[in-house]
Amino acid sequence: MNKDSKIIISSIILGASFIFGSYINAHFSSNEKILNPQISQTSSSDSILNKEEAAAYLKIPVTQLDNIIKRDTEQKKKLSVYDTYQFIPYADLDGQIVFSKDNLNKWLDFITQKK
């Protein structure tokens, strides 16, 4: 193959790539799901709960949730090893207690299976 034919073939391949890429881009840009994916109904902010929201989610009074946290904290101090969901899962962020819905559900599964 001579130099001129290599340039022609490369130009054809490059041109075809641009045309094919433009076609794909035009096809998918009209498709809202690709450019603007639909956000799930439950956003990440819905899965993080403060103490009042967690109590409402568990359908218990906030004082009962406080008692569970206090009891679990005291029991944790006595143990060096325990199951992950043996105690109610929460995080203390600068004095504000927050809960994850997923972890609360796992905790509920754990404590209901043990009974």
N, C-alpha and C. Protein backbone atom coordinates (compact mmCIF):
# COMPACT_ATOMS: atom_id res chain seq x y z
N MET A 1 0.84 -1.18 0.00
CA MET A 1 0.00 0.00 0.00
C MET A 1 0.88 1.24 0.00
N ASN A 2 0.51 2.17 -0.82
CA ASN A 2 1.33 3.38 -0.85
C ASN A 2 0.79 4.40 0.17
N LYS A 3 1.54 5.45 0.31
CA LYS A 3 1.24 6.47 1.31
C LYS A 3 -0.10 7.14 1.05
N ASP A 4 -0.45 7.41 -0.20
CA ASP A 4 -1.70 8.09 -0.54
C ASP A 4 -2.92 7.23 -0.19
N SER A 5 -2.84 5.94 -0.45
CA SER A 5 -3.98 5.08 -0.16
C SER A 5 -4.19 4.93 1.35
N LYS A 6 -3.08 4.95 2.12
CA LYS A 6 -3.21 4.88 3.58
C LYS A 6 -3.90 6.14 4.12
N ILE A 7 -3.59 7.27 3.56
CA ILE A 7 -4.21 8.53 3.98
C ILE A 7 -5.69 8.53 3.63
N ILE A 8 -6.03 8.04 2.45
CA ILE A 8 -7.43 8.00 2.02
C ILE A 8 -8.24 7.07 2.92
N ILE A 9 -7.71 5.88 3.18
CA ILE A 9 -8.41 4.91 4.04
C ILE A 9 -8.56 5.47 5.45
N SER A 10 -7.53 6.08 5.98
CA SER A 10 -7.60 6.68 7.32
C SER A 10 -8.64 7.79 7.36
N SER A 11 -8.70 8.60 6.30
CA SER A 11 -9.68 9.69 6.23
C SER A 11 -11.09 9.15 6.18
N ILE A 12 -11.30 8.07 5.45
CA ILE A 12 -12.64 7.46 5.36
C ILE A 12 -13.05 6.90 6.73
N ILE A 13 -12.13 6.21 7.38
CA ILE A 13 -12.42 5.65 8.70
C ILE A 13 -12.73 6.76 9.70
N LEU A 14 -11.92 7.82 9.68
CA LEU A 14 -12.13 8.95 10.57
C LEU A 14 -13.46 9.63 10.29
N GLY A 15 -13.77 9.86 9.04
CA GLY A 15 -15.05 10.48 8.66
C GLY A 15 -16.23 9.63 9.08
N ALA A 16 -16.13 8.31 8.85
CA ALA A 16 -17.21 7.40 9.25
C ALA A 16 -17.39 7.42 10.76
N SER A 17 -16.29 7.52 11.50
CA SER A 17 -16.38 7.58 12.96
C SER A 17 -17.11 8.84 13.40
N PHE A 18 -16.80 9.97 12.78
CA PHE A 18 -17.49 11.22 13.12
C PHE A 18 -18.98 11.13 12.81
N ILE A 19 -19.31 10.57 11.65
CA ILE A 19 -20.72 10.45 11.26
C ILE A 19 -21.46 9.51 12.21
N PHE A 20 -20.87 8.37 12.51
CA PHE A 20 -21.48 7.40 13.41
C PHE A 20 -21.61 7.98 14.82
N GLY A 21 -20.57 8.67 15.29
CA GLY A 21 -20.62 9.31 16.61
C GLY A 21 -21.69 10.38 16.68
N SER A 22 -21.82 11.17 15.62
CA SER A 22 -22.86 12.21 15.57
C SER A 22 -24.24 11.60 15.60
N TYR A 23 -24.41 10.49 14.88
CA TYR A 23 -25.70 9.80 14.86
C TYR A 23 -26.05 9.31 16.27
N ILE A 24 -25.10 8.67 16.93
CA ILE A 24 -25.34 8.16 18.28
C ILE A 24 -25.65 9.31 19.24
N ASN A 25 -24.88 10.39 19.12
CA ASN A 25 -25.10 11.55 20.00
C ASN A 25 -26.48 12.14 19.77
N ALA A 26 -26.89 12.29 18.52
CA ALA A 26 -28.21 12.85 18.21
C ALA A 26 -29.32 11.92 18.69
N HIS A 27 -29.12 10.62 18.55
CA HIS A 27 -30.13 9.65 18.97
C HIS A 27 -30.32 9.69 20.48
N PHE A 28 -29.23 9.70 21.23
CA PHE A 28 -29.32 9.66 22.68
C PHE A 28 -29.61 11.02 23.30
N SER A 29 -29.26 12.11 22.62
CA SER A 29 -29.53 13.42 23.21
C SER A 29 -31.02 13.71 23.21
N SER A 30 -31.78 13.08 22.32
CA SER A 30 -33.22 13.27 22.34
C SER A 30 -33.87 12.37 23.38
N ASN A 31 -33.12 11.46 23.89
CA ASN A 31 -33.64 10.53 24.88
C ASN A 31 -33.38 11.10 26.28
N GLU A 32 -34.43 11.56 26.94
CA GLU A 32 -34.31 12.22 28.24
C GLU A 32 -33.66 11.32 29.29
N LYS A 33 -33.84 10.02 29.18
CA LYS A 33 -33.31 9.11 30.19
C LYS A 33 -31.79 9.10 30.21
N ILE A 34 -31.16 9.35 29.09
CA ILE A 34 -29.71 9.32 29.04
C ILE A 34 -29.11 10.62 29.56
N LEU A 35 -29.61 11.76 29.07
CA LEU A 35 -29.04 13.04 29.48
C LEU A 35 -29.51 13.48 30.86
N ASN A 36 -30.75 13.24 31.17
CA ASN A 36 -31.31 13.63 32.46
C ASN A 36 -31.94 12.41 33.12
N PRO A 37 -31.14 11.56 33.73
CA PRO A 37 -31.71 10.35 34.32
C PRO A 37 -32.72 10.71 35.39
N GLN A 38 -33.79 9.95 35.42
CA GLN A 38 -34.84 10.21 36.40
C GLN A 38 -34.34 9.84 37.77
N ILE A 39 -34.51 10.74 38.69
CA ILE A 39 -34.05 10.53 40.06
C ILE A 39 -35.09 9.70 40.78
N SER A 40 -34.63 8.77 41.54
CA SER A 40 -35.51 7.89 42.30
C SER A 40 -36.40 8.72 43.23
N GLN A 41 -37.57 8.20 43.53
CA GLN A 41 -38.49 8.91 44.40
C GLN A 41 -37.90 9.14 45.78
N THR A 42 -37.05 8.23 46.24
CA THR A 42 -36.42 8.42 47.54
C THR A 42 -35.02 8.93 47.32
N SER A 43 -34.82 10.17 47.62
CA SER A 43 -33.49 10.75 47.49
C SER A 43 -32.67 10.38 48.71
N SER A 44 -31.38 10.65 48.64
CA SER A 44 -30.53 10.29 49.77
C SER A 44 -30.92 11.03 51.03
N SER A 45 -31.49 12.24 50.88
CA SER A 45 -31.90 12.99 52.07
C SER A 45 -33.09 12.33 52.75
N ASP A 46 -33.90 11.56 51.99
CA ASP A 46 -35.03 10.85 52.58
C ASP A 46 -34.59 9.64 53.37
N SER A 47 -33.39 9.13 53.10
CA SER A 47 -32.95 7.93 53.79
C SER A 47 -32.19 8.26 55.08
N ILE A 48 -31.89 9.53 55.32
CA ILE A 48 -31.24 9.95 56.56
C ILE A 48 -32.29 10.65 57.41
N LEU A 49 -32.45 10.17 58.62
CA LEU A 49 -33.50 10.68 59.50
C LEU A 49 -32.91 11.27 60.77
N ASN A 50 -33.52 12.35 61.26
CA ASN A 50 -33.14 12.84 62.59
C ASN A 50 -33.90 12.01 63.62
N LYS A 51 -33.71 12.32 64.89
CA LYS A 51 -34.30 11.50 65.94
C LYS A 51 -35.83 11.48 65.87
N GLU A 52 -36.43 12.63 65.64
CA GLU A 52 -37.89 12.70 65.58
C GLU A 52 -38.44 11.91 64.38
N GLU A 53 -37.76 12.04 63.24
CA GLU A 53 -38.18 11.31 62.05
C GLU A 53 -38.00 9.80 62.23
N ALA A 54 -36.92 9.41 62.90
CA ALA A 54 -36.67 7.99 63.14
C ALA A 54 -37.74 7.42 64.08
N ALA A 55 -38.09 8.18 65.10
CA ALA A 55 -39.14 7.72 66.02
C ALA A 55 -40.46 7.56 65.28
N ALA A 56 -40.78 8.53 64.44
CA ALA A 56 -42.01 8.44 63.65
C ALA A 56 -41.95 7.24 62.69
N TYR A 57 -40.79 7.02 62.08
CA TYR A 57 -40.61 5.89 61.17
C TYR A 57 -40.80 4.56 61.90
N LEU A 58 -40.30 4.49 63.13
CA LEU A 58 -40.44 3.28 63.94
C LEU A 58 -41.79 3.20 64.64
N LYS A 59 -42.55 4.30 64.57
CA LYS A 59 -43.87 4.40 65.20
C LYS A 59 -43.79 4.24 66.71
N ILE A 60 -42.80 4.92 67.28
CA ILE A 60 -42.64 4.94 68.74
C ILE A 60 -42.42 6.39 69.17
N PRO A 61 -42.67 6.70 70.45
CA PRO A 61 -42.39 8.05 70.93
C PRO A 61 -40.89 8.33 70.96
N VAL A 62 -40.52 9.59 70.85
CA VAL A 62 -39.11 9.99 70.88
C VAL A 62 -38.47 9.57 72.20
N THR A 63 -39.24 9.66 73.31
CA THR A 63 -38.68 9.27 74.61
C THR A 63 -38.33 7.79 74.63
N GLN A 64 -39.12 6.96 73.97
CA GLN A 64 -38.81 5.53 73.90
C GLN A 64 -37.54 5.30 73.07
N LEU A 65 -37.39 6.06 71.99
CA LEU A 65 -36.17 5.97 71.18
C LEU A 65 -34.97 6.40 72.00
N ASP A 66 -35.12 7.46 72.77
CA ASP A 66 -34.03 7.90 73.66
C ASP A 66 -33.66 6.80 74.64
N ASN A 67 -34.66 6.12 75.19
CA ASN A 67 -34.40 5.02 76.14
C ASN A 67 -33.67 3.86 75.47
N ILE A 68 -34.04 3.56 74.23
CA ILE A 68 -33.36 2.48 73.49
C ILE A 68 -31.90 2.86 73.27
N ILE A 69 -31.65 4.09 72.85
CA ILE A 69 -30.28 4.55 72.62
C ILE A 69 -29.47 4.49 73.90
N LYS A 70 -30.06 4.96 75.00
CA LYS A 70 -29.37 4.97 76.29
C LYS A 70 -29.06 3.54 76.75
N ARG A 71 -30.05 2.66 76.65
CA ARG A 71 -29.85 1.25 77.05
C ARG A 71 -28.77 0.59 76.20
N ASP A 72 -28.84 0.79 74.89
CA ASP A 72 -27.87 0.19 73.99
C ASP A 72 -26.46 0.72 74.25
N THR A 73 -26.34 2.01 74.52
CA THR A 73 -25.03 2.61 74.80
C THR A 73 -24.41 1.99 76.05
N GLU A 74 -25.23 1.80 77.07
CA GLU A 74 -24.73 1.18 78.31
C GLU A 74 -24.32 -0.27 78.08
N GLN A 75 -25.11 -1.00 77.31
CA GLN A 75 -24.79 -2.40 77.05
C GLN A 75 -23.55 -2.55 76.17
N LYS A 76 -23.37 -1.63 75.21
CA LYS A 76 -22.19 -1.68 74.33
C LYS A 76 -20.91 -1.55 75.14
N LYS A 77 -20.94 -0.71 76.17
CA LYS A 77 -19.75 -0.48 76.99
C LYS A 77 -19.30 -1.75 77.69
N LYS A 78 -20.24 -2.65 77.95
CA LYS A 78 -19.93 -3.88 78.67
C LYS A 78 -19.39 -4.98 77.75
N LEU A 79 -19.59 -4.81 76.45
CA LEU A 79 -19.21 -5.85 75.49
C LEU A 79 -18.02 -5.41 74.64
N SER A 80 -17.18 -6.36 74.32
CA SER A 80 -16.08 -6.06 73.40
C SER A 80 -16.43 -6.50 71.97
N VAL A 81 -17.34 -7.48 71.85
CA VAL A 81 -17.76 -7.99 70.55
C VAL A 81 -19.28 -8.14 70.58
N TYR A 82 -19.92 -7.71 69.49
CA TYR A 82 -21.37 -7.87 69.38
C TYR A 82 -21.77 -7.87 67.91
N ASP A 83 -22.97 -8.38 67.64
CA ASP A 83 -23.49 -8.40 66.28
C ASP A 83 -23.73 -6.96 65.82
N THR A 84 -23.53 -6.72 64.55
CA THR A 84 -23.65 -5.37 64.00
C THR A 84 -24.99 -4.72 64.32
N TYR A 85 -26.07 -5.45 64.14
CA TYR A 85 -27.39 -4.85 64.33
C TYR A 85 -28.03 -5.26 65.66
N GLN A 86 -27.21 -5.67 66.60
CA GLN A 86 -27.71 -6.00 67.93
C GLN A 86 -28.22 -4.74 68.62
N PHE A 87 -27.60 -3.62 68.33
CA PHE A 87 -27.97 -2.34 68.93
C PHE A 87 -28.45 -1.40 67.83
N ILE A 88 -29.31 -0.47 68.19
CA ILE A 88 -29.87 0.45 67.19
C ILE A 88 -28.74 1.24 66.53
N PRO A 89 -28.70 1.24 65.21
CA PRO A 89 -27.61 1.93 64.50
C PRO A 89 -27.92 3.42 64.31
N TYR A 90 -26.99 4.25 64.76
CA TYR A 90 -27.12 5.69 64.58
C TYR A 90 -25.73 6.31 64.53
N ALA A 91 -25.69 7.56 64.12
CA ALA A 91 -24.43 8.29 64.12
C ALA A 91 -24.65 9.59 64.88
N ASP A 92 -23.66 9.97 65.65
CA ASP A 92 -23.71 11.23 66.39
C ASP A 92 -22.83 12.22 65.64
N LEU A 93 -23.47 13.17 64.96
CA LEU A 93 -22.76 14.17 64.18
C LEU A 93 -22.78 15.49 64.94
N ASP A 94 -21.71 15.77 65.64
CA ASP A 94 -21.60 17.00 66.44
C ASP A 94 -22.80 17.21 67.35
N GLY A 95 -23.19 16.15 68.03
CA GLY A 95 -24.28 16.25 68.99
C GLY A 95 -25.66 15.99 68.41
N GLN A 96 -25.77 15.89 67.09
CA GLN A 96 -27.06 15.58 66.47
C GLN A 96 -27.07 14.12 66.06
N ILE A 97 -28.03 13.38 66.57
CA ILE A 97 -28.13 11.95 66.27
C ILE A 97 -28.93 11.78 64.98
N VAL A 98 -28.36 11.01 64.05
CA VAL A 98 -29.02 10.73 62.78
C VAL A 98 -29.07 9.22 62.54
N PHE A 99 -30.05 8.81 61.77
CA PHE A 99 -30.27 7.40 61.48
C PHE A 99 -30.38 7.19 59.98
N SER A 100 -30.03 6.01 59.54
CA SER A 100 -30.21 5.60 58.16
C SER A 100 -31.41 4.66 58.11
N LYS A 101 -32.34 4.92 57.19
CA LYS A 101 -33.51 4.05 57.06
C LYS A 101 -33.10 2.61 56.78
N ASP A 102 -32.12 2.44 55.90
CA ASP A 102 -31.66 1.08 55.56
C ASP A 102 -31.15 0.36 56.80
N ASN A 103 -30.34 1.05 57.61
CA ASN A 103 -29.80 0.42 58.81
C ASN A 103 -30.89 0.18 59.85
N LEU A 104 -31.86 1.08 59.95
CA LEU A 104 -32.98 0.84 60.87
C LEU A 104 -33.75 -0.40 60.45
N ASN A 105 -33.96 -0.57 59.15
CA ASN A 105 -34.66 -1.76 58.65
C ASN A 105 -33.87 -3.03 58.96
N LYS A 106 -32.56 -2.98 58.79
CA LYS A 106 -31.73 -4.14 59.10
C LYS A 106 -31.76 -4.44 60.59
N TRP A 107 -31.74 -3.39 61.41
CA TRP A 107 -31.83 -3.56 62.86
C TRP A 107 -33.16 -4.21 63.24
N LEU A 108 -34.25 -3.71 62.64
CA LEU A 108 -35.57 -4.29 62.91
C LEU A 108 -35.61 -5.77 62.52
N ASP A 109 -35.05 -6.09 61.35
CA ASP A 109 -34.99 -7.49 60.93
C ASP A 109 -34.23 -8.33 61.94
N PHE A 110 -33.10 -7.81 62.41
CA PHE A 110 -32.25 -8.55 63.35
C PHE A 110 -32.99 -8.80 64.66
N ILE A 111 -33.56 -7.74 65.22
CA ILE A 111 -34.19 -7.91 66.55
C ILE A 111 -35.49 -8.72 66.47
N THR A 112 -36.19 -8.68 65.34
CA THR A 112 -37.41 -9.47 65.24
C THR A 112 -37.11 -10.94 64.97
N GLN A 113 -35.98 -11.24 64.34
CA GLN A 113 -35.60 -12.63 64.10
C GLN A 113 -35.10 -13.31 65.37
N LYS A 114 -34.53 -12.52 66.28
CA LYS A 114 -34.00 -13.11 67.52
C LYS A 114 -35.10 -13.50 68.49
N LYS A 115 -36.28 -12.89 68.36
CA LYS A 115 -37.37 -13.16 69.31
C LYS A 115 -38.14 -14.38 68.95
